Amino acid sequence: MGFLEEVRKTAKKRIIYTEHAVDEMNTEEEIISTKEVSQVIFQGEVIEDYPEDKRGHSCLIFAMTDKGRPVHVICSPKEEYLGIITAYVPTEDKWEKTFKTRKRGEDR
């Protein structure tokens, strides 16, 4: 099973949001709904993979949501749930126009 399939399998069990993710999702400029996060998880593509992440193997998933905007979700599958580390609307100052590639000099 590929990593994205593992992410989706655990998301079907349960999705848990970190406090950081909730804070990011509720910023004034970009309220991101749990529905949008689910769209990204189930319809998006992995654009960065972090197998050595201190929180456990995680990845950055990108998709355009039904609201017509790009959303990035960083998540980490656990045995019984998918942990949402953060979710945000990427900006063109840090990302190329496709929102799939970081501009040079931009670290995660």
N, C-alpha and C. Protein backbone atom coordinates (compact mmCIF):
# COMPACT_ATOMS: atom_id res chain seq x y z
N MET A 1 0.85 -1.18 0.00
CA MET A 1 0.00 0.00 0.00
C MET A 1 0.90 1.24 0.00
N GLY A 2 0.58 2.19 -0.87
CA GLY A 2 1.35 3.44 -0.90
C GLY A 2 1.00 4.33 0.27
N PHE A 3 1.82 5.33 0.48
CA PHE A 3 1.62 6.20 1.65
C PHE A 3 0.31 6.98 1.57
N LEU A 4 -0.06 7.47 0.38
CA LEU A 4 -1.32 8.21 0.24
C LEU A 4 -2.50 7.30 0.57
N GLU A 5 -2.44 6.05 0.16
CA GLU A 5 -3.51 5.11 0.48
C GLU A 5 -3.60 4.89 1.99
N GLU A 6 -2.44 4.84 2.65
CA GLU A 6 -2.41 4.70 4.11
C GLU A 6 -3.05 5.93 4.77
N VAL A 7 -2.72 7.11 4.26
CA VAL A 7 -3.31 8.35 4.78
C VAL A 7 -4.84 8.28 4.67
N ARG A 8 -5.33 7.92 3.49
CA ARG A 8 -6.79 7.88 3.26
C ARG A 8 -7.47 6.80 4.09
N LYS A 9 -6.80 5.66 4.26
CA LYS A 9 -7.37 4.56 5.07
C LYS A 9 -7.55 5.01 6.52
N THR A 10 -6.53 5.67 7.08
CA THR A 10 -6.65 6.11 8.48
C THR A 10 -7.64 7.27 8.60
N ALA A 11 -7.74 8.12 7.57
CA ALA A 11 -8.69 9.23 7.61
C ALA A 11 -10.13 8.72 7.65
N LYS A 12 -10.37 7.57 7.03
CA LYS A 12 -11.73 6.99 7.06
C LYS A 12 -12.10 6.54 8.48
N LYS A 13 -11.10 6.19 9.29
CA LYS A 13 -11.35 5.79 10.68
C LYS A 13 -11.70 7.01 11.53
N ARG A 14 -10.79 8.02 11.48
CA ARG A 14 -10.97 9.21 12.33
C ARG A 14 -9.93 10.25 11.93
N ILE A 15 -10.31 11.51 12.01
CA ILE A 15 -9.38 12.60 11.76
C ILE A 15 -9.28 13.43 13.02
N ILE A 16 -8.05 13.66 13.48
CA ILE A 16 -7.81 14.47 14.67
C ILE A 16 -6.95 15.67 14.26
N TYR A 17 -7.34 16.85 14.74
CA TYR A 17 -6.65 18.09 14.40
C TYR A 17 -5.80 18.55 15.58
N THR A 18 -4.54 18.90 15.32
CA THR A 18 -3.71 19.47 16.38
C THR A 18 -4.21 20.89 16.67
N GLU A 19 -3.83 21.39 17.82
CA GLU A 19 -4.20 22.77 18.17
C GLU A 19 -3.65 23.74 17.13
N HIS A 20 -2.44 23.48 16.65
CA HIS A 20 -1.84 24.33 15.62
C HIS A 20 -2.70 24.33 14.34
N ALA A 21 -3.17 23.15 13.93
CA ALA A 21 -4.00 23.05 12.73
C ALA A 21 -5.28 23.86 12.90
N VAL A 22 -5.93 23.73 14.05
CA VAL A 22 -7.17 24.48 14.30
C VAL A 22 -6.90 25.98 14.26
N ASP A 23 -5.81 26.42 14.87
CA ASP A 23 -5.45 27.84 14.84
C ASP A 23 -5.24 28.32 13.41
N GLU A 24 -4.50 27.55 12.62
CA GLU A 24 -4.23 27.93 11.22
C GLU A 24 -5.51 27.94 10.39
N MET A 25 -6.38 26.97 10.61
CA MET A 25 -7.63 26.87 9.84
C MET A 25 -8.59 28.01 10.17
N ASN A 26 -8.41 28.64 11.32
CA ASN A 26 -9.35 29.67 11.77
C ASN A 26 -8.77 31.09 11.71
N THR A 27 -7.73 31.31 10.91
CA THR A 27 -7.22 32.67 10.77
C THR A 27 -8.24 33.48 9.98
N GLU A 28 -8.32 34.77 10.26
CA GLU A 28 -9.33 35.62 9.63
C GLU A 28 -9.30 35.56 8.11
N GLU A 29 -8.10 35.53 7.53
CA GLU A 29 -7.97 35.58 6.08
C GLU A 29 -8.44 34.31 5.40
N GLU A 30 -8.39 33.20 6.09
CA GLU A 30 -8.57 31.93 5.38
C GLU A 30 -9.26 30.85 6.21
N ILE A 31 -10.46 31.07 6.60
CA ILE A 31 -11.18 30.01 7.32
C ILE A 31 -11.24 28.77 6.43
N ILE A 32 -10.67 27.68 6.92
CA ILE A 32 -10.67 26.42 6.17
C ILE A 32 -11.56 25.45 6.92
N SER A 33 -12.54 24.91 6.23
CA SER A 33 -13.49 24.00 6.85
C SER A 33 -12.93 22.57 6.91
N THR A 34 -13.51 21.78 7.80
CA THR A 34 -13.11 20.37 7.88
C THR A 34 -13.49 19.66 6.57
N LYS A 35 -14.55 20.15 5.91
CA LYS A 35 -14.94 19.58 4.61
C LYS A 35 -13.83 19.79 3.59
N GLU A 36 -13.24 20.99 3.59
CA GLU A 36 -12.14 21.26 2.66
C GLU A 36 -10.94 20.37 2.96
N VAL A 37 -10.63 20.18 4.23
CA VAL A 37 -9.52 19.30 4.61
C VAL A 37 -9.78 17.89 4.09
N SER A 38 -11.00 17.40 4.24
CA SER A 38 -11.35 16.07 3.73
C SER A 38 -11.20 16.01 2.21
N GLN A 39 -11.62 17.08 1.52
CA GLN A 39 -11.46 17.10 0.06
C GLN A 39 -9.99 16.97 -0.33
N VAL A 40 -9.14 17.69 0.37
CA VAL A 40 -7.70 17.62 0.07
C VAL A 40 -7.19 16.20 0.31
N ILE A 41 -7.56 15.60 1.43
CA ILE A 41 -7.09 14.26 1.76
C ILE A 41 -7.55 13.23 0.72
N PHE A 42 -8.82 13.29 0.34
CA PHE A 42 -9.37 12.24 -0.51
C PHE A 42 -9.27 12.52 -2.01
N GLN A 43 -8.99 13.78 -2.40
CA GLN A 43 -8.90 14.09 -3.83
C GLN A 43 -7.54 14.66 -4.23
N GLY A 44 -6.71 14.98 -3.25
CA GLY A 44 -5.45 15.65 -3.53
C GLY A 44 -4.31 14.72 -3.87
N GLU A 45 -3.14 15.35 -4.02
CA GLU A 45 -1.92 14.62 -4.33
C GLU A 45 -0.83 15.00 -3.34
N VAL A 46 0.02 14.04 -3.03
CA VAL A 46 1.16 14.30 -2.15
C VAL A 46 2.19 15.09 -2.96
N ILE A 47 2.55 16.28 -2.45
CA ILE A 47 3.56 17.08 -3.15
C ILE A 47 4.90 17.11 -2.39
N GLU A 48 4.88 16.75 -1.12
CA GLU A 48 6.12 16.60 -0.35
C GLU A 48 5.92 15.45 0.64
N ASP A 49 6.97 14.66 0.82
CA ASP A 49 6.92 13.50 1.71
C ASP A 49 7.99 13.69 2.78
N TYR A 50 7.63 13.47 4.04
CA TYR A 50 8.56 13.67 5.15
C TYR A 50 8.69 12.37 5.96
N PRO A 51 9.40 11.38 5.43
CA PRO A 51 9.49 10.09 6.14
C PRO A 51 10.22 10.16 7.48
N GLU A 52 11.07 11.16 7.66
CA GLU A 52 11.86 11.25 8.89
C GLU A 52 11.30 12.29 9.87
N ASP A 53 10.09 12.75 9.68
CA ASP A 53 9.51 13.79 10.53
C ASP A 53 9.46 13.33 11.98
N LYS A 54 9.74 14.25 12.91
CA LYS A 54 9.76 13.90 14.34
C LYS A 54 8.39 13.46 14.85
N ARG A 55 7.32 13.84 14.15
CA ARG A 55 5.97 13.45 14.57
C ARG A 55 5.56 12.12 13.96
N GLY A 56 6.47 11.50 13.22
CA GLY A 56 6.16 10.28 12.49
C GLY A 56 6.04 10.62 11.02
N HIS A 57 6.10 9.62 10.17
CA HIS A 57 6.03 9.82 8.72
C HIS A 57 4.83 10.72 8.40
N SER A 58 5.09 11.80 7.71
CA SER A 58 4.01 12.73 7.35
C SER A 58 4.20 13.19 5.91
N CYS A 59 3.22 13.93 5.41
CA CYS A 59 3.31 14.43 4.05
C CYS A 59 2.48 15.70 3.89
N LEU A 60 2.77 16.42 2.80
CA LEU A 60 2.03 17.61 2.42
C LEU A 60 1.18 17.24 1.22
N ILE A 61 -0.13 17.43 1.36
CA ILE A 61 -1.08 17.11 0.29
C ILE A 61 -1.69 18.41 -0.22
N PHE A 62 -1.85 18.49 -1.53
CA PHE A 62 -2.41 19.68 -2.17
C PHE A 62 -3.64 19.30 -2.98
N ALA A 63 -4.64 20.20 -2.97
CA ALA A 63 -5.79 20.08 -3.88
C ALA A 63 -6.47 21.43 -3.99
N MET A 64 -7.18 21.62 -5.09
CA MET A 64 -8.08 22.76 -5.24
C MET A 64 -9.41 22.29 -4.64
N THR A 65 -9.98 23.08 -3.73
CA THR A 65 -11.23 22.66 -3.08
C THR A 65 -12.44 23.15 -3.87
N ASP A 66 -13.62 22.75 -3.42
CA ASP A 66 -14.86 23.18 -4.07
C ASP A 66 -15.03 24.70 -4.03
N LYS A 67 -14.32 25.34 -3.08
CA LYS A 67 -14.38 26.80 -3.01
C LYS A 67 -13.50 27.45 -4.08
N GLY A 68 -12.82 26.62 -4.87
CA GLY A 68 -11.99 27.13 -5.95
C GLY A 68 -10.67 27.70 -5.50
N ARG A 69 -10.19 27.27 -4.36
CA ARG A 69 -8.91 27.77 -3.88
C ARG A 69 -7.98 26.62 -3.54
N PRO A 70 -6.67 26.89 -3.59
CA PRO A 70 -5.71 25.84 -3.23
C PRO A 70 -5.65 25.70 -1.71
N VAL A 71 -5.52 24.48 -1.25
CA VAL A 71 -5.33 24.22 0.18
C VAL A 71 -4.25 23.17 0.33
N HIS A 72 -3.36 23.40 1.28
CA HIS A 72 -2.32 22.44 1.66
C HIS A 72 -2.67 21.86 3.02
N VAL A 73 -2.48 20.56 3.16
CA VAL A 73 -2.69 19.87 4.44
C VAL A 73 -1.45 19.03 4.73
N ILE A 74 -0.88 19.23 5.91
CA ILE A 74 0.21 18.37 6.37
C ILE A 74 -0.40 17.41 7.39
N CYS A 75 -0.19 16.12 7.15
CA CYS A 75 -0.82 15.12 8.02
C CYS A 75 0.10 13.94 8.24
N SER A 76 -0.24 13.17 9.28
CA SER A 76 0.55 12.00 9.64
C SER A 76 -0.40 10.89 10.05
N PRO A 77 -0.40 9.77 9.33
CA PRO A 77 -1.27 8.66 9.71
C PRO A 77 -0.75 7.90 10.92
N LYS A 78 -1.66 7.61 11.81
CA LYS A 78 -1.36 6.76 12.98
C LYS A 78 -2.22 5.51 12.81
N GLU A 79 -2.12 4.59 13.74
CA GLU A 79 -2.86 3.34 13.57
C GLU A 79 -4.38 3.54 13.55
N GLU A 80 -4.88 4.39 14.44
CA GLU A 80 -6.33 4.54 14.59
C GLU A 80 -6.90 5.86 14.08
N TYR A 81 -6.04 6.75 13.58
CA TYR A 81 -6.54 8.05 13.10
C TYR A 81 -5.51 8.72 12.20
N LEU A 82 -5.97 9.77 11.52
CA LEU A 82 -5.07 10.62 10.74
C LEU A 82 -4.91 11.92 11.51
N GLY A 83 -3.68 12.25 11.83
CA GLY A 83 -3.39 13.49 12.54
C GLY A 83 -3.17 14.62 11.55
N ILE A 84 -3.95 15.68 11.68
CA ILE A 84 -3.78 16.86 10.84
C ILE A 84 -2.84 17.80 11.59
N ILE A 85 -1.65 17.99 11.06
CA ILE A 85 -0.64 18.83 11.70
C ILE A 85 -0.92 20.29 11.42
N THR A 86 -1.24 20.60 10.16
CA THR A 86 -1.63 21.96 9.81
C THR A 86 -2.37 21.94 8.48
N ALA A 87 -3.09 23.02 8.22
CA ALA A 87 -3.79 23.22 6.95
C ALA A 87 -3.78 24.72 6.68
N TYR A 88 -3.50 25.08 5.43
CA TYR A 88 -3.41 26.51 5.10
C TYR A 88 -3.62 26.72 3.61
N VAL A 89 -3.89 27.97 3.25
CA VAL A 89 -3.99 28.37 1.86
C VAL A 89 -2.60 28.87 1.45
N PRO A 90 -1.94 28.18 0.51
CA PRO A 90 -0.60 28.60 0.10
C PRO A 90 -0.64 29.93 -0.67
N THR A 91 0.46 30.67 -0.60
CA THR A 91 0.52 31.96 -1.29
C THR A 91 1.61 31.95 -2.35
N GLU A 92 1.43 32.78 -3.37
CA GLU A 92 2.38 32.81 -4.47
C GLU A 92 3.72 33.43 -4.09
N ASP A 93 3.82 34.04 -2.93
CA ASP A 93 5.14 34.55 -2.52
C ASP A 93 6.05 33.41 -2.08
N LYS A 94 5.47 32.28 -1.67
CA LYS A 94 6.27 31.13 -1.23
C LYS A 94 6.20 29.94 -2.19
N TRP A 95 5.17 29.90 -3.03
CA TRP A 95 4.92 28.75 -3.90
C TRP A 95 4.82 29.20 -5.36
N GLU A 96 5.21 28.29 -6.27
CA GLU A 96 5.04 28.54 -7.69
C GLU A 96 3.53 28.61 -7.99
N LYS A 97 3.17 29.08 -9.16
CA LYS A 97 1.76 29.31 -9.51
C LYS A 97 0.87 28.06 -9.39
N THR A 98 1.46 26.88 -9.53
CA THR A 98 0.68 25.64 -9.40
C THR A 98 0.44 25.27 -7.94
N PHE A 99 1.15 25.94 -7.02
CA PHE A 99 1.10 25.66 -5.58
C PHE A 99 1.61 24.28 -5.22
N LYS A 100 2.37 23.66 -6.15
CA LYS A 100 2.91 22.33 -5.91
C LYS A 100 4.41 22.34 -5.64
N THR A 101 5.07 23.46 -5.95
CA THR A 101 6.52 23.55 -5.81
C THR A 101 6.88 24.81 -5.04
N ARG A 102 7.72 24.65 -4.01
CA ARG A 102 8.18 25.82 -3.25
C ARG A 102 9.11 26.66 -4.12
N LYS A 103 9.05 27.95 -3.91
CA LYS A 103 10.01 28.82 -4.57
C LYS A 103 11.36 28.60 -3.91
N ARG A 104 12.42 28.82 -4.65
CA ARG A 104 13.78 28.61 -4.11
C ARG A 104 13.97 29.41 -2.83
N GLY A 105 14.63 28.79 -1.87
CA GLY A 105 14.91 29.46 -0.61
C GLY A 105 13.81 29.35 0.43
N GLU A 106 12.69 28.74 0.06
CA GLU A 106 11.57 28.57 1.01
C GLU A 106 11.64 27.18 1.61
N ASP A 107 11.81 27.11 2.91
CA ASP A 107 11.84 25.82 3.61
C ASP A 107 10.49 25.59 4.27
N ARG A 108 10.24 24.32 4.58
CA ARG A 108 8.95 24.02 5.22
C ARG A 108 8.93 24.48 6.64
